[in-house]
């Protein structure tokens, strides 16, 4: 694995309606100092967060999704009797 020594910027393949009504690609940067930077393509507004916060959010989202699916499975089995 290589260390991040300079900024790496990429544009998403898909367009997403995150900030505006019309979907736009999102530009994502991995910055030195373990930061993620987001902005809408062709826009100036920038949002930055530490990479550990993004990882923490991903772990919590997955746990929430799994618990929701588990509850749905139990509800389906009870209703099927």
PDB file of N, CA and C in Angstrom:
ATOM      1  N   UNK A   1       0.847  -1.170   0.000  1.00  0.00           N
ATOM      2  CA  UNK A   1       0.000   0.000   0.000  1.00  0.00           C
ATOM      3  C   UNK A   1       0.897   1.239   0.000  1.00  0.00           C
ATOM      4  N   UNK A   2       0.535   2.225  -0.787  1.00  0.00           N
ATOM      5  CA  UNK A   2       1.345   3.440  -0.851  1.00  0.00           C
ATOM      6  C   UNK A   2       0.770   4.513   0.061  1.00  0.00           C
ATOM      7  N   UNK A   3       1.640   5.351   0.581  1.00  0.00           N
ATOM      8  CA  UNK A   3       1.217   6.468   1.410  1.00  0.00           C
ATOM      9  C   UNK A   3       0.720   7.605   0.534  1.00  0.00           C
ATOM     10  N   UNK A   4      -0.194   8.377   1.077  1.00  0.00           N
ATOM     11  CA  UNK A   4      -0.732   9.527   0.364  1.00  0.00           C
ATOM     12  C   UNK A   4       0.198  10.719   0.592  1.00  0.00           C
ATOM     13  N   UNK A   5       0.930  11.089  -0.455  1.00  0.00           N
ATOM     14  CA  UNK A   5       1.884  12.181  -0.342  1.00  0.00           C
ATOM     15  C   UNK A   5       1.448  13.431  -1.083  1.00  0.00           C
ATOM     16  N   UNK A   6       0.422  13.286  -1.926  1.00  0.00           N
ATOM     17  CA  UNK A   6      -0.119  14.445  -2.631  1.00  0.00           C
ATOM     18  C   UNK A   6      -1.608  14.233  -2.868  1.00  0.00           C
ATOM     19  N   UNK A   7      -2.286  15.295  -3.155  1.00  0.00           N
ATOM     20  CA  UNK A   7      -3.734  15.276  -3.333  1.00  0.00           C
ATOM     21  C   UNK A   7      -4.119  14.458  -4.571  1.00  0.00           C
ATOM     22  N   UNK A   8      -5.146  13.610  -4.419  1.00  0.00           N
ATOM     23  CA  UNK A   8      -5.680  12.822  -5.528  1.00  0.00           C
ATOM     24  C   UNK A   8      -7.139  13.223  -5.698  1.00  0.00           C
ATOM     25  N   UNK A   9      -7.517  13.662  -6.895  1.00  0.00           N
ATOM     26  CA  UNK A   9      -8.872  14.147  -7.149  1.00  0.00           C
ATOM     27  C   UNK A   9      -9.500  13.343  -8.273  1.00  0.00           C
ATOM     28  N   UNK A  10     -10.757  12.929  -8.064  1.00  0.00           N
ATOM     29  CA  UNK A  10     -11.494  12.180  -9.075  1.00  0.00           C
ATOM     30  C   UNK A  10     -12.945  12.660  -9.119  1.00  0.00           C
ATOM     31  N   UNK A  11     -13.556  12.519 -10.288  1.00  0.00           N
ATOM     32  CA  UNK A  11     -14.973  12.860 -10.463  1.00  0.00           C
ATOM     33  C   UNK A  11     -15.757  11.548 -10.518  1.00  0.00           C
ATOM     34  N   UNK A  12     -16.941  11.529  -9.911  1.00  0.00           N
ATOM     35  CA  UNK A  12     -17.769  10.328  -9.920  1.00  0.00           C
ATOM     36  C   UNK A  12     -18.298  10.065 -11.319  1.00  0.00           C
ATOM     37  N   UNK A  13     -18.577   8.804 -11.600  1.00  0.00           N
ATOM     38  CA  UNK A  13     -19.150   8.441 -12.900  1.00  0.00           C
ATOM     39  C   UNK A  13     -20.590   8.887 -12.994  1.00  0.00           C
ATOM     40  N   UNK A  14     -21.326   8.708 -11.911  1.00  0.00           N
ATOM     41  CA  UNK A  14     -22.734   9.062 -11.903  1.00  0.00           C
ATOM     42  C   UNK A  14     -22.958  10.484 -11.423  1.00  0.00           C
ATOM     43  N   UNK A  15     -24.167  10.982 -11.662  1.00  0.00           N
ATOM     44  CA  UNK A  15     -24.555  12.308 -11.186  1.00  0.00           C
ATOM     45  C   UNK A  15     -25.558  12.128 -10.049  1.00  0.00           C
ATOM     46  N   UNK A  16     -25.449  12.963  -9.022  1.00  0.00           N
ATOM     47  CA  UNK A  16     -26.276  12.824  -7.831  1.00  0.00           C
ATOM     48  C   UNK A  16     -26.940  14.153  -7.482  1.00  0.00           C
ATOM     49  N   UNK A  17     -28.225  14.137  -7.128  1.00  0.00           N
ATOM     50  CA  UNK A  17     -28.912  15.382  -6.744  1.00  0.00           C
ATOM     51  C   UNK A  17     -28.734  15.677  -5.263  1.00  0.00           C
ATOM     52  N   UNK A  18     -27.512  15.897  -4.828  1.00  0.00           N
ATOM     53  CA  UNK A  18     -27.227  16.095  -3.411  1.00  0.00           C
ATOM     54  C   UNK A  18     -27.571  17.514  -2.960  1.00  0.00           C
ATOM     55  N   UNK A  19     -27.077  18.508  -3.664  1.00  0.00           N
ATOM     56  CA  UNK A  19     -27.262  19.895  -3.250  1.00  0.00           C
ATOM     57  C   UNK A  19     -28.318  20.629  -4.072  1.00  0.00           C
ATOM     58  N   UNK A  20     -28.461  20.236  -5.297  1.00  0.00           N
ATOM     59  CA  UNK A  20     -29.334  20.964  -6.203  1.00  0.00           C
ATOM     60  C   UNK A  20     -30.353  20.004  -6.800  1.00  0.00           C
ATOM     61  N   UNK A  21     -31.387  20.542  -7.406  1.00  0.00           N
ATOM     62  CA  UNK A  21     -32.433  19.696  -7.981  1.00  0.00           C
ATOM     63  C   UNK A  21     -31.910  18.832  -9.119  1.00  0.00           C
ATOM     64  N   UNK A  22     -31.008  19.399  -9.905  1.00  0.00           N
ATOM     65  CA  UNK A  22     -30.473  18.663 -11.047  1.00  0.00           C
ATOM     66  C   UNK A  22     -29.245  17.866 -10.617  1.00  0.00           C
ATOM     67  N   UNK A  23     -29.207  16.600 -10.963  1.00  0.00           N
ATOM     68  CA  UNK A  23     -28.040  15.782 -10.599  1.00  0.00           C
ATOM     69  C   UNK A  23     -26.762  16.294 -11.239  1.00  0.00           C
ATOM     70  N   UNK A  24     -25.706  16.272 -10.473  1.00  0.00           N
ATOM     71  CA  UNK A  24     -24.383  16.672 -10.952  1.00  0.00           C
ATOM     72  C   UNK A  24     -23.346  15.682 -10.440  1.00  0.00           C
ATOM     73  N   UNK A  25     -22.274  15.481 -11.183  1.00  0.00           N
ATOM     74  CA  UNK A  25     -21.198  14.637 -10.659  1.00  0.00           C
ATOM     75  C   UNK A  25     -20.591  15.276  -9.404  1.00  0.00           C
ATOM     76  N   UNK A  26     -20.000  14.453  -8.590  1.00  0.00           N
ATOM     77  CA  UNK A  26     -19.349  14.933  -7.376  1.00  0.00           C
ATOM     78  C   UNK A  26     -17.844  14.749  -7.549  1.00  0.00           C
ATOM     79  N   UNK A  27     -17.081  15.766  -7.188  1.00  0.00           N
ATOM     80  CA  UNK A  27     -15.631  15.702  -7.236  1.00  0.00           C
ATOM     81  C   UNK A  27     -15.147  15.360  -5.830  1.00  0.00           C
ATOM     82  N   UNK A  28     -14.395  14.271  -5.735  1.00  0.00           N
ATOM     83  CA  UNK A  28     -13.908  13.776  -4.445  1.00  0.00           C
ATOM     84  C   UNK A  28     -12.391  13.840  -4.444  1.00  0.00           C
ATOM     85  N   UNK A  29     -11.821  14.356  -3.354  1.00  0.00           N
ATOM     86  CA  UNK A  29     -10.362  14.429  -3.230  1.00  0.00           C
ATOM     87  C   UNK A  29      -9.917  13.747  -1.958  1.00  0.00           C
ATOM     88  N   UNK A  30      -8.840  12.991  -2.067  1.00  0.00           N
ATOM     89  CA  UNK A  30      -8.127  12.473  -0.904  1.00  0.00           C
ATOM     90  C   UNK A  30      -6.969  13.426  -0.686  1.00  0.00           C
ATOM     91  N   UNK A  31      -6.997  14.128   0.428  1.00  0.00           N
ATOM     92  CA  UNK A  31      -5.974  15.130   0.707  1.00  0.00           C
ATOM     93  C   UNK A  31      -4.946  14.592   1.697  1.00  0.00           C
ATOM     94  N   UNK A  32      -3.742  15.131   1.596  1.00  0.00           N
ATOM     95  CA  UNK A  32      -2.702  14.795   2.554  1.00  0.00           C
ATOM     96  C   UNK A  32      -3.201  15.229   3.939  1.00  0.00           C
ATOM     97  N   UNK A  33      -2.967  14.422   4.925  1.00  0.00           N
ATOM     98  CA  UNK A  33      -3.469  14.709   6.263  1.00  0.00           C
ATOM     99  C   UNK A  33      -4.733  13.918   6.542  1.00  0.00           C
ATOM    100  N   UNK A  34      -5.014  12.914   5.691  1.00  0.00           N
ATOM    101  CA  UNK A  34      -6.166  12.023   5.858  1.00  0.00           C
ATOM    102  C   UNK A  34      -7.487  12.775   5.880  1.00  0.00           C
ATOM    103  N   UNK A  35      -7.704  13.577   4.856  1.00  0.00           N
ATOM    104  CA  UNK A  35      -8.946  14.330   4.710  1.00  0.00           C
ATOM    105  C   UNK A  35      -9.641  13.952   3.414  1.00  0.00           C
ATOM    106  N   UNK A  36     -10.967  13.933   3.459  1.00  0.00           N
ATOM    107  CA  UNK A  36     -11.793  13.762   2.269  1.00  0.00           C
ATOM    108  C   UNK A  36     -12.429  15.103   1.957  1.00  0.00           C
ATOM    109  N   UNK A  37     -12.366  15.515   0.707  1.00  0.00           N
ATOM    110  CA  UNK A  37     -12.964  16.777   0.299  1.00  0.00           C
ATOM    111  C   UNK A  37     -13.966  16.488  -0.817  1.00  0.00           C
ATOM    112  N   UNK A  38     -15.156  17.075  -0.684  1.00  0.00           N
ATOM    113  CA  UNK A  38     -16.224  16.895  -1.663  1.00  0.00           C
ATOM    114  C   UNK A  38     -16.657  18.249  -2.211  1.00  0.00           C
ATOM    115  N   UNK A  39     -17.050  18.258  -3.481  1.00  0.00           N
ATOM    116  CA  UNK A  39     -17.695  19.422  -4.058  1.00  0.00           C
ATOM    117  C   UNK A  39     -18.479  18.968  -5.270  1.00  0.00           C
ATOM    118  N   UNK A  40     -19.509  19.726  -5.607  1.00  0.00           N
ATOM    119  CA  UNK A  40     -20.264  19.438  -6.823  1.00  0.00           C
ATOM    120  C   UNK A  40     -19.427  19.901  -8.014  1.00  0.00           C
ATOM    121  N   UNK A  41     -19.481  19.157  -9.107  1.00  0.00           N
ATOM    122  CA  UNK A  41     -18.719  19.526 -10.300  1.00  0.00           C
ATOM    123  C   UNK A  41     -19.169  20.904 -10.781  1.00  0.00           C
ATOM    124  N   UNK A  42     -18.231  21.695 -11.217  1.00  0.00           N
ATOM    125  CA  UNK A  42     -18.468  23.050 -11.713  1.00  0.00           C
ATOM    126  C   UNK A  42     -19.001  23.989 -10.624  1.00  0.00           C
ATOM    127  N   UNK A  43     -18.742  23.697  -9.377  1.00  0.00           N
ATOM    128  CA  UNK A  43     -19.151  24.561  -8.257  1.00  0.00           C
ATOM    129  C   UNK A  43     -17.949  24.831  -7.372  1.00  0.00           C
ATOM    130  N   UNK A  44     -18.033  25.884  -6.575  1.00  0.00           N
ATOM    131  CA  UNK A  44     -16.895  26.265  -5.728  1.00  0.00           C
ATOM    132  C   UNK A  44     -17.009  25.798  -4.283  1.00  0.00           C
ATOM    133  N   UNK A  45     -18.219  25.530  -3.813  1.00  0.00           N
ATOM    134  CA  UNK A  45     -18.407  25.119  -2.423  1.00  0.00           C
ATOM    135  C   UNK A  45     -17.689  23.810  -2.126  1.00  0.00           C
ATOM    136  N   UNK A  46     -16.965  23.778  -1.019  1.00  0.00           N
ATOM    137  CA  UNK A  46     -16.157  22.610  -0.661  1.00  0.00           C
ATOM    138  C   UNK A  46     -16.532  22.158   0.747  1.00  0.00           C
ATOM    139  N   UNK A  47     -16.639  20.842   0.931  1.00  0.00           N
ATOM    140  CA  UNK A  47     -16.907  20.251   2.238  1.00  0.00           C
ATOM    141  C   UNK A  47     -15.815  19.240   2.528  1.00  0.00           C
ATOM    142  N   UNK A  48     -15.216  19.350   3.706  1.00  0.00           N
ATOM    143  CA  UNK A  48     -14.097  18.494   4.091  1.00  0.00           C
ATOM    144  C   UNK A  48     -14.403  17.804   5.406  1.00  0.00           C
ATOM    145  N   UNK A  49     -13.987  16.551   5.508  1.00  0.00           N
ATOM    146  CA  UNK A  49     -14.104  15.843   6.774  1.00  0.00           C
ATOM    147  C   UNK A  49     -12.939  14.881   6.915  1.00  0.00           C
ATOM    148  N   UNK A  50     -12.577  14.577   8.148  1.00  0.00           N
ATOM    149  CA  UNK A  50     -11.495  13.611   8.378  1.00  0.00           C
ATOM    150  C   UNK A  50     -11.927  12.224   7.899  1.00  0.00           C
ATOM    151  N   UNK A  51     -10.988  11.457   7.424  1.00  0.00           N
ATOM    152  CA  UNK A  51     -11.314  10.148   6.873  1.00  0.00           C
ATOM    153  C   UNK A  51     -11.848   9.208   7.956  1.00  0.00           C
ATOM    154  N   UNK A  52     -11.432   9.383   9.201  1.00  0.00           N
ATOM    155  CA  UNK A  52     -11.950   8.515  10.264  1.00  0.00           C
ATOM    156  C   UNK A  52     -13.429   8.772  10.517  1.00  0.00           C
ATOM    157  N   UNK A  53     -13.899   9.991  10.316  1.00  0.00           N
ATOM    158  CA  UNK A  53     -15.328  10.290  10.471  1.00  0.00           C
ATOM    159  C   UNK A  53     -16.141   9.598   9.378  1.00  0.00           C
ATOM    160  N   UNK A  54     -15.621   9.572   8.150  1.00  0.00           N
ATOM    161  CA  UNK A  54     -16.304   8.883   7.053  1.00  0.00           C
ATOM    162  C   UNK A  54     -16.334   7.377   7.309  1.00  0.00           C
ATOM    163  N   UNK A  55     -15.234   6.828   7.807  1.00  0.00           N
ATOM    164  CA  UNK A  55     -15.178   5.398   8.110  1.00  0.00           C
ATOM    165  C   UNK A  55     -16.159   5.048   9.231  1.00  0.00           C
ATOM    166  N   UNK A  56     -16.185   5.876  10.269  1.00  0.00           N
ATOM    167  CA  UNK A  56     -17.105   5.657  11.383  1.00  0.00           C
ATOM    168  C   UNK A  56     -18.552   5.682  10.893  1.00  0.00           C
ATOM    169  N   UNK A  57     -18.876   6.628  10.012  1.00  0.00           N
ATOM    170  CA  UNK A  57     -20.230   6.723   9.464  1.00  0.00           C
ATOM    171  C   UNK A  57     -20.575   5.468   8.653  1.00  0.00           C
ATOM    172  N   UNK A  58     -19.635   4.969   7.854  1.00  0.00           N
ATOM    173  CA  UNK A  58     -19.878   3.780   7.040  1.00  0.00           C
ATOM    174  C   UNK A  58     -20.137   2.552   7.918  1.00  0.00           C
ATOM    175  N   UNK A  59     -19.379   2.410   8.996  1.00  0.00           N
ATOM    176  CA  UNK A  59     -19.570   1.282   9.906  1.00  0.00           C
ATOM    177  C   UNK A  59     -20.941   1.367  10.576  1.00  0.00           C
ATOM    178  N   UNK A  60     -21.316   2.540  11.043  1.00  0.00           N
ATOM    179  CA  UNK A  60     -22.631   2.707  11.688  1.00  0.00           C
ATOM    180  C   UNK A  60     -23.772   2.484  10.709  1.00  0.00           C
ATOM    181  N   UNK A  61     -23.625   2.966   9.473  1.00  0.00           N
ATOM    182  CA  UNK A  61     -24.677   2.783   8.471  1.00  0.00           C
ATOM    183  C   UNK A  61     -24.877   1.299   8.160  1.00  0.00           C
ATOM    184  N   UNK A  62     -23.786   0.565   8.056  1.00  0.00           N
ATOM    185  CA  UNK A  62     -23.898  -0.869   7.788  1.00  0.00           C
ATOM    186  C   UNK A  62     -24.554  -1.594   8.956  1.00  0.00           C
ATOM    187  N   UNK A  63     -24.171  -1.261  10.176  1.00  0.00           N
ATOM    188  CA  UNK A  63     -24.770  -1.890  11.353  1.00  0.00           C
ATOM    189  C   UNK A  63     -26.263  -1.583  11.423  1.00  0.00           C
ATOM    190  N   UNK A  64     -26.634  -0.342  11.125  1.00  0.00           N
ATOM    191  CA  UNK A  64     -28.051   0.030  11.122  1.00  0.00           C
ATOM    192  C   UNK A  64     -28.812  -0.746  10.054  1.00  0.00           C
ATOM    193  N   UNK A  65     -28.232  -0.862   8.874  1.00  0.00           N
ATOM    194  CA  UNK A  65     -28.873  -1.586   7.777  1.00  0.00           C
ATOM    195  C   UNK A  65     -29.058  -3.062   8.132  1.00  0.00           C
ATOM    196  N   UNK A  66     -28.036  -3.670   8.710  1.00  0.00           N
ATOM    197  CA  UNK A  66     -28.128  -5.082   9.093  1.00  0.00           C
ATOM    198  C   UNK A  66     -29.172  -5.298  10.181  1.00  0.00           C
ATOM    199  N   UNK A  67     -29.242  -4.400  11.167  1.00  0.00           N
ATOM    200  CA  UNK A  67     -30.243  -4.559  12.222  1.00  0.00           C
ATOM    201  C   UNK A  67     -31.651  -4.366  11.668  1.00  0.00           C
ATOM    202  N   UNK A  68     -31.811  -3.458  10.713  1.00  0.00           N
ATOM    203  CA  UNK A  68     -33.118  -3.253  10.088  1.00  0.00           C
ATOM    204  C   UNK A  68     -33.537  -4.498   9.315  1.00  0.00           C
ATOM    205  N   UNK A  69     -32.611  -5.070   8.556  1.00  0.00           N
ATOM    206  CA  UNK A  69     -32.919  -6.287   7.806  1.00  0.00           C
ATOM    207  C   UNK A  69     -33.247  -7.441   8.751  1.00  0.00           C
ATOM    208  N   UNK A  70     -32.552  -7.525   9.855  1.00  0.00           N
ATOM    209  CA  UNK A  70     -32.809  -8.586  10.830  1.00  0.00           C
ATOM    210  C   UNK A  70     -34.212  -8.444  11.415  1.00  0.00           C
ATOM    211  N   UNK A  71     -34.595  -7.202  11.755  1.00  0.00           N
ATOM    212  CA  UNK A  71     -35.940  -6.969  12.283  1.00  0.00           C
ATOM    213  C   UNK A  71     -37.007  -7.277  11.244  1.00  0.00           C
ATOM    214  N   UNK A  72     -36.774  -6.916   9.996  1.00  0.00           N
ATOM    215  CA  UNK A  72     -37.737  -7.213   8.936  1.00  0.00           C
ATOM    216  C   UNK A  72     -37.915  -8.715   8.760  1.00  0.00           C
ATOM    217  N   UNK A  73     -36.830  -9.455   8.873  1.00  0.00           N
ATOM    218  CA  UNK A  73     -36.900 -10.906   8.757  1.00  0.00           C
ATOM    219  C   UNK A  73     -37.735 -11.518   9.868  1.00  0.00           C
ATOM    220  N   UNK A  74     -37.576 -11.022  11.073  1.00  0.00           N
ATOM    221  CA  UNK A  74     -38.357 -11.523  12.208  1.00  0.00           C
ATOM    222  C   UNK A  74     -39.830 -11.179  12.031  1.00  0.00           C
ATOM    223  N   UNK A  75     -40.133  -9.976  11.580  1.00  0.00           N
ATOM    224  CA  UNK A  75     -41.519  -9.567  11.372  1.00  0.00           C
ATOM    225  C   UNK A  75     -42.171 -10.412  10.279  1.00  0.00           C
ATOM    226  N   UNK A  76     -41.439 -10.736   9.248  1.00  0.00           N
ATOM    227  CA  UNK A  76     -41.977 -11.525   8.144  1.00  0.00           C
ATOM    228  C   UNK A  76     -42.275 -12.943   8.628  1.00  0.00           C
ATOM    229  N   UNK A  77     -41.384 -13.522   9.422  1.00  0.00           N
ATOM    230  CA  UNK A  77     -41.622 -14.873   9.912  1.00  0.00           C
ATOM    231  C   UNK A  77     -42.822 -14.942  10.839  1.00  0.00           C
ATOM    232  N   UNK A  78     -42.997 -13.925  11.691  1.00  0.00           N
ATOM    233  CA  UNK A  78     -44.142 -13.917  12.605  1.00  0.00           C
ATOM    234  C   UNK A  78     -45.451 -13.803  11.823  1.00  0.00           C
ATOM    235  N   UNK A  79     -45.458 -12.970  10.803  1.00  0.00           N
ATOM    236  CA  UNK A  79     -46.677 -12.777  10.027  1.00  0.00           C
ATOM    237  C   UNK A  79     -47.006 -13.964   9.144  1.00  0.00           C
ATOM    238  N   UNK A  80     -46.015 -14.805   8.833  1.00  0.00           N
ATOM    239  CA  UNK A  80     -46.234 -15.928   7.932  1.00  0.00           C
ATOM    240  C   UNK A  80     -46.814 -17.165   8.610  1.00  0.00           C
ATOM    241  N   UNK A  81     -46.938 -17.158   9.939  1.00  0.00           N
ATOM    242  CA  UNK A  81     -47.436 -18.339  10.662  1.00  0.00           C
ATOM    243  C   UNK A  81     -48.913 -18.505  10.513  1.00  0.00           C
TER     244      UNK A  81
END
